[in-house]
Amino acid sequence: MTIRHLRIFEAVAREGSMNRAAARLYLSQPTVSKAVKELEEYYGVRLFERLSQRLYITREGELLLSYARQVLEGFDRMERALRRPDRPQELRVGCSVTVGTALINPLLDQAAQALKGCQVMVEVNNTSVIEEMVLSNRVDLGLVEGIVRHPDLLHIPVLTDRLCLVSAPDHPLARKKNLKLADLEGWELISRERGSVDRNQLELLLRQEGVRMVRSWNCTNTEAIKNGVAAGRGVAVLSSLVVRKELDRGELVALEVEGLPILRPIEAVYHKDKFLSSPMKALLEACGKE
């Protein structure tokens, strides 16, 4: 078993096809098939099921894939470092939207000295996407809010975030006292995209209480949500971290609702088999001090 075997296997898993993997690697299809077969014989497992001319990765294949991506990433970094020793180190960070909006810059500032000369690349998306990117080694670590349960991920607590319900100051709900979840029935909600922890936690609460709100907007952009709320288009559940300035300026108000705010952890997560480079260690140390 060689690096070449792992690279071919990873390409087949990524492409879902022997032919597409062969084209991507500039190899013949029989060469790709032979490499996968040799891997299967070497480990005594089946890596793909072949059904109706389609490939489906097996449980054993998924296990090998998680290790193969780590090995290939480490090998490629070694090659780059040895062939170009002057090449700057890289750190790929995946951030959920709240972290990308309000927290990543202070964390990078804390680690600035240790990250000097390092090229930091940041990807911002919702928590479920960042979790998948960490598992597939497309980022080195993730900084996410909410619950991430995959057993292959290690967690470092960063801080506890508060989700609060906000509205424009002149919204009818802002004039009511002692609000309950039932009082939200029928009001317009500006919500995050599906897969966002903000949205899922609120919707779980509403479902449990049998409360139906009118989802007027679906947004992936926090600024768009805040602007829509400030314009009176609806209410929204947002992290206290991202509405701090608007609350201080009186552009938004936090509604006191029984059962809210929702507390959720913000954590740094990385694969248990991940090699911890110096930049990764520096950022993780900054996360532990937040």
Protein backbone atom coordinates (compact mmCIF):
# COMPACT_ATOMS: atom_id res chain seq x y z
CA MET A 1 0.00 0.00 0.00
CA THR A 2 1.43 3.35 -1.08
CA ILE A 3 0.58 7.05 -1.13
CA ARG A 4 -0.41 6.50 -4.76
CA HIS A 5 -3.02 3.91 -3.71
CA LEU A 6 -4.48 6.35 -1.16
CA ARG A 7 -4.55 9.21 -3.66
CA ILE A 8 -6.40 7.09 -6.21
CA PHE A 9 -8.83 5.80 -3.58
CA GLU A 10 -9.54 9.34 -2.32
CA ALA A 11 -10.21 10.53 -5.87
CA VAL A 12 -12.66 7.67 -6.50
CA ALA A 13 -14.45 8.43 -3.21
CA ARG A 14 -14.62 12.13 -4.04
CA GLU A 15 -15.80 11.64 -7.63
CA GLY A 16 -18.05 8.63 -6.97
CA SER A 17 -16.82 7.12 -10.21
CA MET A 18 -13.79 5.20 -11.45
CA ASN A 19 -13.95 6.95 -14.84
CA ARG A 20 -14.15 10.47 -13.38
CA ALA A 21 -11.35 9.72 -10.92
CA ALA A 22 -9.20 8.40 -13.76
CA ALA A 23 -9.81 11.55 -15.80
CA ARG A 24 -9.01 13.77 -12.83
CA LEU A 25 -5.73 11.93 -12.15
CA TYR A 26 -4.82 11.52 -15.84
CA LEU A 27 -4.79 7.73 -15.48
CA SER A 28 -6.54 4.95 -17.33
CA GLN A 29 -9.70 3.48 -15.85
CA PRO A 30 -8.14 -0.02 -15.53
CA THR A 31 -5.24 1.50 -13.56
CA VAL A 32 -7.65 3.11 -11.11
CA SER A 33 -9.70 -0.09 -10.75
CA LYS A 34 -6.52 -2.10 -10.14
CA ALA A 35 -5.34 0.27 -7.39
CA VAL A 36 -8.69 0.09 -5.56
CA LYS A 37 -8.72 -3.70 -5.89
CA GLU A 38 -5.19 -3.92 -4.48
CA LEU A 39 -6.24 -1.81 -1.50
CA GLU A 40 -9.24 -4.05 -0.89
CA GLU A 41 -7.08 -7.15 -1.06
CA TYR A 42 -4.42 -5.62 1.17
CA TYR A 43 -6.90 -4.84 3.97
CA GLY A 44 -9.28 -7.70 3.27
CA VAL A 45 -12.32 -5.43 3.08
CA ARG A 46 -14.67 -4.10 0.41
CA LEU A 47 -14.29 -0.35 -0.02
CA PHE A 48 -17.09 0.22 -2.54
CA GLU A 49 -20.33 -1.51 -3.42
CA ARG A 50 -20.95 -1.62 -7.16
CA LEU A 51 -24.70 -1.46 -7.82
CA SER A 52 -26.33 -0.67 -11.17
CA GLN A 53 -23.08 0.75 -12.53
CA ARG A 54 -22.78 3.15 -9.59
CA LEU A 55 -20.29 3.15 -6.71
CA TYR A 56 -21.37 3.41 -3.07
CA ILE A 57 -18.66 3.73 -0.45
CA THR A 58 -18.90 1.14 2.34
CA ARG A 59 -18.52 1.66 6.07
CA GLU A 60 -14.95 0.35 5.83
CA GLY A 61 -14.37 2.72 2.91
CA GLU A 62 -15.57 5.68 4.98
CA LEU A 63 -13.16 4.68 7.74
CA LEU A 64 -10.23 4.42 5.33
CA LEU A 65 -11.23 7.72 3.70
CA SER A 66 -11.03 9.64 6.98
CA TYR A 67 -7.49 8.36 7.57
CA ALA A 68 -6.43 8.66 3.93
CA ARG A 69 -7.27 12.36 3.79
CA GLN A 70 -5.24 13.01 6.93
CA VAL A 71 -2.27 11.05 5.53
CA LEU A 72 -2.43 12.76 2.15
CA GLU A 73 -2.68 16.21 3.69
CA GLY A 74 0.31 15.52 5.92
CA PHE A 75 2.31 14.09 3.02
CA ASP A 76 1.53 17.06 0.77
CA ARG A 77 2.50 19.51 3.51
CA MET A 78 5.76 17.66 4.03
CA GLU A 79 6.45 17.83 0.29
CA ARG A 80 5.75 21.56 0.16
CA ALA A 81 7.85 22.25 3.25
CA LEU A 82 10.87 20.27 2.03
CA ARG A 83 10.76 21.39 -1.58
CA ARG A 84 10.05 25.03 -0.68
CA PRO A 85 11.32 25.63 2.85
CA ASP A 86 10.63 29.37 2.45
CA ARG A 87 6.93 28.73 1.81
CA PRO A 88 4.76 30.19 4.62
CA GLN A 89 2.78 27.84 6.83
CA GLU A 90 -0.96 27.62 6.23
CA LEU A 91 -3.90 27.47 8.62
CA ARG A 92 -7.40 26.76 7.28
CA VAL A 93 -10.14 27.77 9.70
CA GLY A 94 -13.85 27.06 9.29
CA CYS A 95 -16.18 29.41 11.17
CA SER A 96 -19.90 29.30 11.73
CA VAL A 97 -21.63 32.56 10.85
CA THR A 98 -21.72 33.98 14.38
CA VAL A 99 -18.05 33.21 14.95
CA GLY A 100 -17.08 34.60 11.55
CA THR A 101 -19.06 37.77 12.26
CA ALA A 102 -18.07 38.54 15.84
CA LEU A 103 -15.31 36.31 17.19
CA ILE A 104 -12.69 35.15 14.68
CA ASN A 105 -10.88 38.50 14.43
CA PRO A 106 -10.30 38.87 18.20
CA LEU A 107 -9.06 35.27 18.33
CA LEU A 108 -6.65 35.82 15.44
CA ASP A 109 -5.46 39.03 17.11
CA GLN A 110 -4.71 37.08 20.31
CA ALA A 111 -2.67 34.56 18.34
CA ALA A 112 -1.11 37.14 16.01
CA GLN A 113 2.44 36.81 17.33
CA ALA A 114 2.46 33.02 17.07
CA LEU A 115 0.83 33.20 13.62
CA LYS A 116 3.34 35.70 12.24
CA GLY A 117 4.25 34.66 8.71
CA CYS A 118 1.42 32.11 8.55
CA GLN A 119 -1.17 32.34 5.79
CA VAL A 120 -4.58 32.09 7.48
CA MET A 121 -7.58 31.19 5.31
CA VAL A 122 -11.08 31.49 6.76
CA GLU A 123 -14.25 29.82 5.48
CA VAL A 124 -17.59 31.02 6.93
CA ASN A 125 -20.69 28.83 6.69
CA ASN A 126 -23.30 27.27 8.97
CA THR A 127 -22.27 24.78 11.65
CA SER A 128 -23.31 21.62 9.79
CA VAL A 129 -21.22 22.59 6.74
CA ILE A 130 -18.17 23.46 8.84
CA GLU A 131 -18.48 20.14 10.71
CA GLU A 132 -18.39 18.26 7.40
CA MET A 133 -15.41 20.33 6.23
CA VAL A 134 -13.44 19.41 9.36
CA LEU A 135 -14.29 15.72 8.93
CA SER A 136 -13.26 15.77 5.26
CA ASN A 137 -10.04 17.71 6.06
CA ARG A 138 -11.02 20.70 3.92
CA VAL A 139 -10.26 22.91 6.94
CA ASP A 140 -7.82 22.25 9.77
CA LEU A 141 -10.22 23.16 12.55
CA GLY A 142 -13.67 24.59 13.02
CA LEU A 143 -14.99 27.29 15.36
CA VAL A 144 -18.69 26.65 15.69
CA GLU A 145 -21.69 27.33 17.88
CA GLY A 146 -24.21 24.75 19.02
CA ILE A 147 -23.94 20.99 19.27
CA VAL A 148 -21.49 18.95 17.18
CA ARG A 149 -21.67 15.27 18.08
CA HIS A 150 -19.49 13.36 15.60
CA PRO A 151 -17.31 10.91 17.58
CA ASP A 152 -14.20 11.66 15.50
CA LEU A 153 -14.11 15.30 16.60
CA LEU A 154 -12.33 16.70 19.66
CA HIS A 155 -13.74 19.80 21.36
CA ILE A 156 -12.21 22.78 23.16
CA PRO A 157 -14.71 25.16 24.84
CA VAL A 158 -14.33 28.80 23.81
CA LEU A 159 -17.28 30.56 25.47
CA THR A 160 -21.01 30.32 26.13
CA ASP A 161 -23.15 32.35 23.75
CA ARG A 162 -26.66 33.71 24.33
CA LEU A 163 -29.34 33.67 21.66
CA CYS A 164 -31.89 36.44 22.13
CA LEU A 165 -35.06 37.46 20.32
CA VAL A 166 -34.73 40.96 18.84
CA SER A 167 -37.10 43.39 17.17
CA ALA A 168 -37.27 46.99 16.04
CA PRO A 169 -37.96 49.42 18.95
CA ASP A 170 -41.42 50.27 17.57
CA HIS A 171 -42.48 46.66 16.91
CA PRO A 172 -45.77 45.79 18.72
CA LEU A 173 -44.07 42.96 20.62
CA ALA A 174 -41.50 45.43 22.01
CA ARG A 175 -44.29 47.19 23.92
CA LYS A 176 -45.52 44.02 25.64
CA LYS A 177 -44.33 42.89 29.05
CA ASN A 178 -43.86 39.35 30.35
CA LEU A 179 -43.93 37.77 26.92
CA LYS A 180 -44.36 34.03 26.61
CA LEU A 181 -43.52 31.83 23.62
CA ALA A 182 -47.27 31.58 22.88
CA ASP A 183 -47.32 35.36 22.30
CA LEU A 184 -45.15 34.84 19.22
CA GLU A 185 -47.96 32.98 17.43
CA GLY A 186 -48.56 34.40 13.95
CA TRP A 187 -45.80 37.02 14.03
CA GLU A 188 -43.28 37.24 11.20
CA LEU A 189 -39.91 35.63 11.74
CA ILE A 190 -36.73 36.47 9.85
CA SER A 191 -34.74 33.26 10.13
CA ARG A 192 -31.43 31.74 9.23
CA GLU A 193 -31.01 29.10 6.52
CA ARG A 194 -31.76 25.44 7.11
CA GLY A 195 -28.82 23.82 8.88
CA SER A 196 -28.24 26.86 11.09
CA VAL A 197 -28.19 26.09 14.80
CA ASP A 198 -29.91 29.43 15.54
CA ARG A 199 -32.91 28.43 13.48
CA ASN A 200 -33.08 24.82 14.61
CA GLN A 201 -32.97 25.63 18.34
CA LEU A 202 -35.71 28.22 18.05
CA GLU A 203 -37.86 26.02 15.86
CA LEU A 204 -37.46 23.14 18.29
CA LEU A 205 -38.76 25.35 21.12
CA LEU A 206 -41.67 26.63 19.04
CA ARG A 207 -42.58 23.09 17.96
CA GLN A 208 -42.54 21.89 21.55
CA GLU A 209 -44.91 24.70 22.54
CA GLY A 210 -47.13 24.32 19.46
CA VAL A 211 -46.38 27.89 18.36
CA ARG A 212 -46.43 28.79 14.67
CA MET A 213 -44.66 31.86 13.34
CA VAL A 214 -44.72 33.15 9.77
CA ARG A 215 -41.27 32.71 8.23
CA SER A 216 -41.08 35.84 6.09
CA TRP A 217 -37.38 35.83 5.25
CA ASN A 218 -34.75 33.11 4.87
CA CYS A 219 -31.25 34.56 5.19
CA THR A 220 -27.68 33.34 5.20
CA ASN A 221 -26.37 36.84 5.96
CA THR A 222 -26.49 38.18 9.52
CA GLU A 223 -26.39 41.81 8.40
CA ALA A 224 -29.41 41.24 6.14
CA ILE A 225 -31.30 39.77 9.11
CA LYS A 226 -30.44 42.72 11.37
CA ASN A 227 -31.40 45.23 8.69
CA GLY A 228 -34.71 43.45 8.07
CA VAL A 229 -35.52 43.45 11.79
CA ALA A 230 -34.56 47.12 12.19
CA ALA A 231 -36.88 47.95 9.29
CA GLY A 232 -39.78 46.25 11.07
CA ARG A 233 -40.04 43.25 8.71
CA GLY A 234 -40.16 40.78 11.58
CA VAL A 235 -38.34 39.50 14.65
CA ALA A 236 -35.26 37.29 14.73
CA VAL A 237 -33.25 35.13 17.09
CA LEU A 238 -29.61 36.20 16.96
CA SER A 239 -26.47 35.78 19.00
CA SER A 240 -25.92 38.48 21.60
CA LEU A 241 -22.39 38.74 20.16
CA VAL A 242 -23.62 40.01 16.77
CA VAL A 243 -26.31 42.45 17.98
CA ARG A 244 -24.33 44.10 20.79
CA LYS A 245 -23.73 47.35 18.89
CA GLU A 246 -27.30 47.61 17.59
CA LEU A 247 -28.70 47.06 21.09
CA ASP A 248 -26.35 49.70 22.55
CA ARG A 249 -27.36 52.20 19.85
CA GLY A 250 -31.07 51.48 20.31
CA GLU A 251 -31.52 50.30 16.73
CA LEU A 252 -32.77 46.92 18.03
CA VAL A 253 -34.29 45.82 21.32
CA ALA A 254 -34.05 42.44 23.03
CA LEU A 255 -37.48 41.00 23.81
CA GLU A 256 -37.81 39.40 27.21
CA VAL A 257 -39.54 36.10 26.50
CA GLU A 258 -40.03 33.30 29.00
CA GLY A 259 -37.87 30.41 27.83
CA LEU A 260 -35.39 32.73 26.11
CA PRO A 261 -32.48 33.46 25.88
CA ILE A 262 -31.09 30.13 24.71
CA LEU A 263 -27.58 29.32 25.88
CA ARG A 264 -25.28 27.44 23.55
CA PRO A 265 -21.57 26.61 23.53
CA ILE A 266 -19.05 27.96 21.07
CA GLU A 267 -16.28 25.43 20.58
CA ALA A 268 -13.14 24.75 18.59
CA VAL A 269 -13.37 21.31 16.96
CA TYR A 270 -10.78 19.28 15.09
CA HIS A 271 -10.34 15.69 13.94
CA LYS A 272 -8.94 13.34 16.57
CA ASP A 273 -6.30 12.10 14.10
CA LYS A 274 -5.28 15.57 12.96
CA PHE A 275 -1.61 16.49 13.25
CA LEU A 276 -1.48 19.68 15.32
CA SER A 277 0.76 22.13 13.51
CA SER A 278 2.25 25.13 15.31
CA PRO A 279 -0.40 27.51 13.86
CA MET A 280 -3.20 25.14 14.96
CA LYS A 281 -1.77 24.97 18.48
CA ALA A 282 -1.50 28.78 18.62
CA LEU A 283 -5.13 29.33 17.64
CA LEU A 284 -6.40 26.57 19.93
CA GLU A 285 -4.48 28.15 22.80
CA ALA A 286 -6.13 31.50 22.05
CA CYS A 287 -9.53 29.77 22.01
CA GLY A 288 -8.89 28.32 25.47
CA LYS A 289 -8.15 31.80 26.84
CA GLU A 290 -11.26 33.50 25.42
